[in-house]
N, C-alpha and C. Protein backbone atom coordinates (compact mmCIF):
# COMPACT_ATOMS: atom_id res chain seq x y z
N MET A 1 85.67 175.64 -9.43
CA MET A 1 86.91 175.31 -8.87
C MET A 1 87.58 177.03 -8.66
N GLN A 2 88.42 177.00 -7.25
CA GLN A 2 89.24 178.54 -7.68
C GLN A 2 90.28 178.32 -7.73
N GLY A 3 91.21 179.33 -7.95
CA GLY A 3 93.05 179.09 -8.34
C GLY A 3 93.33 180.14 -8.52
N VAL A 4 94.64 180.26 -9.48
CA VAL A 4 95.36 181.56 -9.81
C VAL A 4 95.57 181.25 -11.24
N ILE A 5 95.47 182.78 -11.77
CA ILE A 5 96.29 181.77 -13.28
C ILE A 5 97.58 181.90 -12.72
N LYS A 6 98.73 180.77 -13.47
CA LYS A 6 100.65 180.74 -13.31
C LYS A 6 100.95 181.01 -14.56
N SER A 7 99.88 181.07 -15.82
CA SER A 7 100.93 181.89 -17.03
C SER A 7 99.84 182.00 -17.78
N PHE A 8 99.85 182.84 -18.81
CA PHE A 8 99.30 182.87 -20.25
C PHE A 8 99.66 183.86 -21.14
N ASP A 9 99.55 183.15 -22.50
CA ASP A 9 100.44 184.35 -23.76
C ASP A 9 99.36 184.59 -24.48
N PRO A 10 98.98 186.37 -24.05
CA PRO A 10 97.87 186.32 -25.33
C PRO A 10 97.80 186.60 -26.81
N SER A 11 99.49 186.06 -27.15
CA SER A 11 99.35 185.46 -28.09
C SER A 11 98.68 184.37 -29.39
N THR A 12 98.75 183.94 -28.05
CA THR A 12 98.05 181.86 -28.59
C THR A 12 96.97 181.77 -27.82
N GLY A 13 96.96 182.66 -26.90
CA GLY A 13 95.78 182.03 -25.44
C GLY A 13 96.54 180.32 -24.66
N ASP A 14 98.10 180.50 -25.07
CA ASP A 14 97.63 179.09 -23.60
C ASP A 14 98.11 179.34 -22.81
N GLY A 15 97.86 178.58 -21.11
CA GLY A 15 98.25 178.91 -20.24
C GLY A 15 98.35 177.64 -19.40
N SER A 16 97.61 178.81 -17.84
CA SER A 16 97.09 177.50 -17.26
C SER A 16 97.03 177.87 -15.29
N VAL A 17 96.44 177.06 -15.30
CA VAL A 17 95.35 177.45 -13.89
C VAL A 17 96.01 176.98 -12.47
N MET A 18 96.92 177.80 -11.42
CA MET A 18 96.65 177.17 -10.16
C MET A 18 95.93 176.16 -9.19
N ARG A 19 94.75 175.26 -8.39
CA ARG A 19 93.54 174.83 -8.51
C ARG A 19 94.44 175.74 -6.87
N ASP A 20 93.28 176.47 -5.64
CA ASP A 20 93.84 176.46 -5.22
C ASP A 20 94.20 175.55 -3.81
N THR A 21 93.09 174.64 -3.57
CA THR A 21 92.90 173.50 -2.80
C THR A 21 94.27 172.79 -2.74
N ASP A 22 94.46 172.20 -3.62
CA ASP A 22 95.88 171.10 -3.92
C ASP A 22 96.94 171.56 -4.77
N LEU A 23 96.74 172.90 -5.27
CA LEU A 23 97.59 174.04 -6.47
C LEU A 23 97.95 172.47 -7.29
N SER A 24 96.37 172.05 -7.56
CA SER A 24 96.79 171.25 -8.68
C SER A 24 96.88 172.69 -10.65
N GLU A 25 97.81 171.31 -11.14
CA GLU A 25 97.67 172.90 -12.18
C GLU A 25 96.81 171.78 -13.76
N TYR A 26 96.25 173.22 -14.12
CA TYR A 26 94.87 172.62 -15.03
C TYR A 26 95.70 173.65 -16.52
N ASP A 27 96.08 173.06 -17.85
CA ASP A 27 95.94 173.92 -19.28
C ASP A 27 94.54 174.65 -19.31
N LEU A 28 95.04 175.82 -20.07
CA LEU A 28 93.95 176.19 -20.30
C LEU A 28 92.92 175.53 -21.37
N ALA A 29 91.96 175.86 -21.68
CA ALA A 29 91.04 175.07 -22.86
C ALA A 29 90.84 176.55 -23.60
N ALA A 30 90.84 175.90 -25.33
CA ALA A 30 90.94 176.88 -26.71
C ALA A 30 89.54 177.75 -26.08
N ASP A 31 88.80 177.77 -25.81
CA ASP A 31 87.78 178.58 -25.30
C ASP A 31 87.70 179.19 -23.41
N ALA A 32 88.48 179.09 -22.88
CA ALA A 32 88.40 179.33 -22.16
C ALA A 32 87.85 180.22 -21.21
N LEU A 33 88.53 181.14 -22.95
CA LEU A 33 87.87 183.05 -21.95
C LEU A 33 86.88 183.60 -23.06
N GLU A 34 85.22 182.21 -23.82
CA GLU A 34 84.61 182.81 -24.52
C GLU A 34 83.58 182.60 -23.81
N GLY A 35 82.72 184.34 -23.48
CA GLY A 35 81.73 184.05 -22.40
C GLY A 35 81.95 184.98 -21.69
N SER A 36 82.88 185.07 -20.85
CA SER A 36 84.04 185.64 -20.28
C SER A 36 83.96 186.99 -20.02
N ILE A 37 84.08 187.59 -19.16
CA ILE A 37 84.63 189.41 -19.13
C ILE A 37 85.39 189.68 -19.38
N PHE A 38 87.08 188.07 -18.83
CA PHE A 38 88.37 188.10 -19.38
C PHE A 38 88.37 188.09 -20.97
N ARG A 39 90.14 189.55 -21.54
CA ARG A 39 89.78 189.46 -22.98
C ARG A 39 91.53 189.53 -22.42
N MET A 40 91.90 189.42 -21.37
CA MET A 40 93.46 189.40 -21.14
C MET A 40 93.81 188.13 -19.43
N LEU A 41 94.36 187.77 -19.39
CA LEU A 41 94.67 187.31 -18.44
C LEU A 41 96.41 187.27 -17.49
N ARG A 42 97.04 187.92 -15.86
CA ARG A 42 97.69 188.35 -15.79
C ARG A 42 97.83 187.38 -14.51
N GLN A 43 99.55 186.77 -14.61
CA GLN A 43 100.17 186.07 -13.56
C GLN A 43 99.37 186.11 -12.27
N GLY A 44 99.44 185.10 -11.35
CA GLY A 44 98.61 185.65 -10.36
C GLY A 44 97.15 186.13 -10.10
N GLN A 45 96.56 185.76 -11.34
CA GLN A 45 95.34 186.21 -11.35
C GLN A 45 94.36 185.82 -10.62
N ARG A 46 93.39 185.62 -9.96
CA ARG A 46 92.96 184.54 -9.47
C ARG A 46 91.04 184.85 -9.54
N VAL A 47 90.95 183.19 -10.56
CA VAL A 47 89.76 183.37 -10.96
C VAL A 47 88.86 181.69 -10.70
N VAL A 48 87.46 181.72 -10.97
CA VAL A 48 87.27 180.38 -11.21
C VAL A 48 86.74 179.80 -12.31
N PHE A 49 86.58 178.64 -12.34
CA PHE A 49 86.15 178.01 -13.19
C PHE A 49 86.60 176.92 -13.26
N THR A 50 85.62 175.98 -14.51
CA THR A 50 85.42 174.30 -14.64
C THR A 50 86.09 173.53 -15.02
N LEU A 51 86.41 172.82 -15.45
CA LEU A 51 87.32 171.67 -15.89
C LEU A 51 86.09 170.95 -16.97
N ASP A 52 86.30 171.45 -18.49
CA ASP A 52 86.07 170.25 -19.80
C ASP A 52 85.44 168.80 -19.44
N ASP A 53 85.48 168.06 -20.29
CA ASP A 53 85.70 167.04 -20.34
C ASP A 53 86.75 166.27 -20.52
N ASP A 54 88.20 166.94 -21.24
CA ASP A 54 89.52 166.13 -21.15
C ASP A 54 90.23 167.14 -19.65
N GLY A 55 89.95 167.67 -19.06
CA GLY A 55 90.31 168.19 -18.19
C GLY A 55 91.42 169.73 -17.63
N ARG A 56 91.03 170.34 -18.97
CA ARG A 56 91.44 171.40 -18.99
C ARG A 56 90.63 172.85 -18.52
N ALA A 57 90.65 173.49 -18.06
CA ALA A 57 90.05 174.20 -17.63
C ALA A 57 89.06 175.99 -18.18
N THR A 58 88.15 176.07 -17.75
CA THR A 58 87.38 176.32 -19.16
C THR A 58 86.50 177.50 -18.37
N ALA A 59 85.49 178.29 -19.09
CA ALA A 59 84.64 178.51 -18.57
C ALA A 59 85.40 179.97 -17.32
N LEU A 60 86.31 180.57 -17.34
CA LEU A 60 87.02 181.26 -16.30
C LEU A 60 85.26 182.75 -16.14
N ARG A 61 85.78 182.58 -15.03
CA ARG A 61 85.72 184.27 -14.58
C ARG A 61 85.84 184.26 -13.30
N LEU A 62 85.46 185.92 -13.12
CA LEU A 62 85.81 186.23 -11.44
C LEU A 62 85.00 185.52 -11.25
N GLY A 63 85.32 185.38 -9.64
CA GLY A 63 84.10 185.24 -7.81
C GLY A 63 83.67 186.59 -7.44
N SER A 64 82.90 186.35 -6.84
CA SER A 64 82.90 187.46 -5.21
C SER A 64 83.13 186.91 -4.75
N GLU A 65 83.16 187.70 -3.31
CA GLU A 65 83.82 187.57 -2.01
C GLU A 65 83.64 186.15 -1.16
N ARG A 66 82.43 186.03 -1.74
CA ARG A 66 82.65 184.57 -0.82
C ARG A 66 82.72 183.60 -1.77
N ASP A 67 82.27 183.65 -3.50
CA ASP A 67 83.13 182.58 -3.99
C ASP A 67 84.85 182.63 -3.92
N MET A 68 85.46 183.59 -3.40
CA MET A 68 86.56 183.21 -3.08
C MET A 68 87.12 182.91 -1.60
N GLU A 69 86.37 182.61 -0.67
CA GLU A 69 86.47 182.61 0.37
C GLU A 69 86.85 183.21 1.40
N THR A 70 86.49 184.31 0.89
CA THR A 70 87.35 185.88 2.06
C THR A 70 87.30 185.35 3.68
N PRO A 71 88.34 185.92 4.04
CA PRO A 71 87.96 185.54 5.06
C PRO A 71 87.32 186.90 6.08
N GLY A 72 86.24 186.86 6.69
CA GLY A 72 84.80 187.06 7.55
C GLY A 72 84.19 188.30 6.44
N THR A 73 83.10 186.67 5.80
CA THR A 73 82.79 187.07 4.46
C THR A 73 81.86 186.33 5.28
């Protein structure tokens, strides 16, 4: 799934992401940044993510232009 970071608190790791297709919001899982290049997230940052079994956003990563469906690619 693709979306943008809606909120992120670096001191607690709490935050949420909003999916592009239907604007659904998902809380970040505690391990959302594990194994990713991210150390910090900023509001509005574009990410690709999956949902864990509890419906929380996890496995955050940067997408290629193709993943982000950039016009003209």
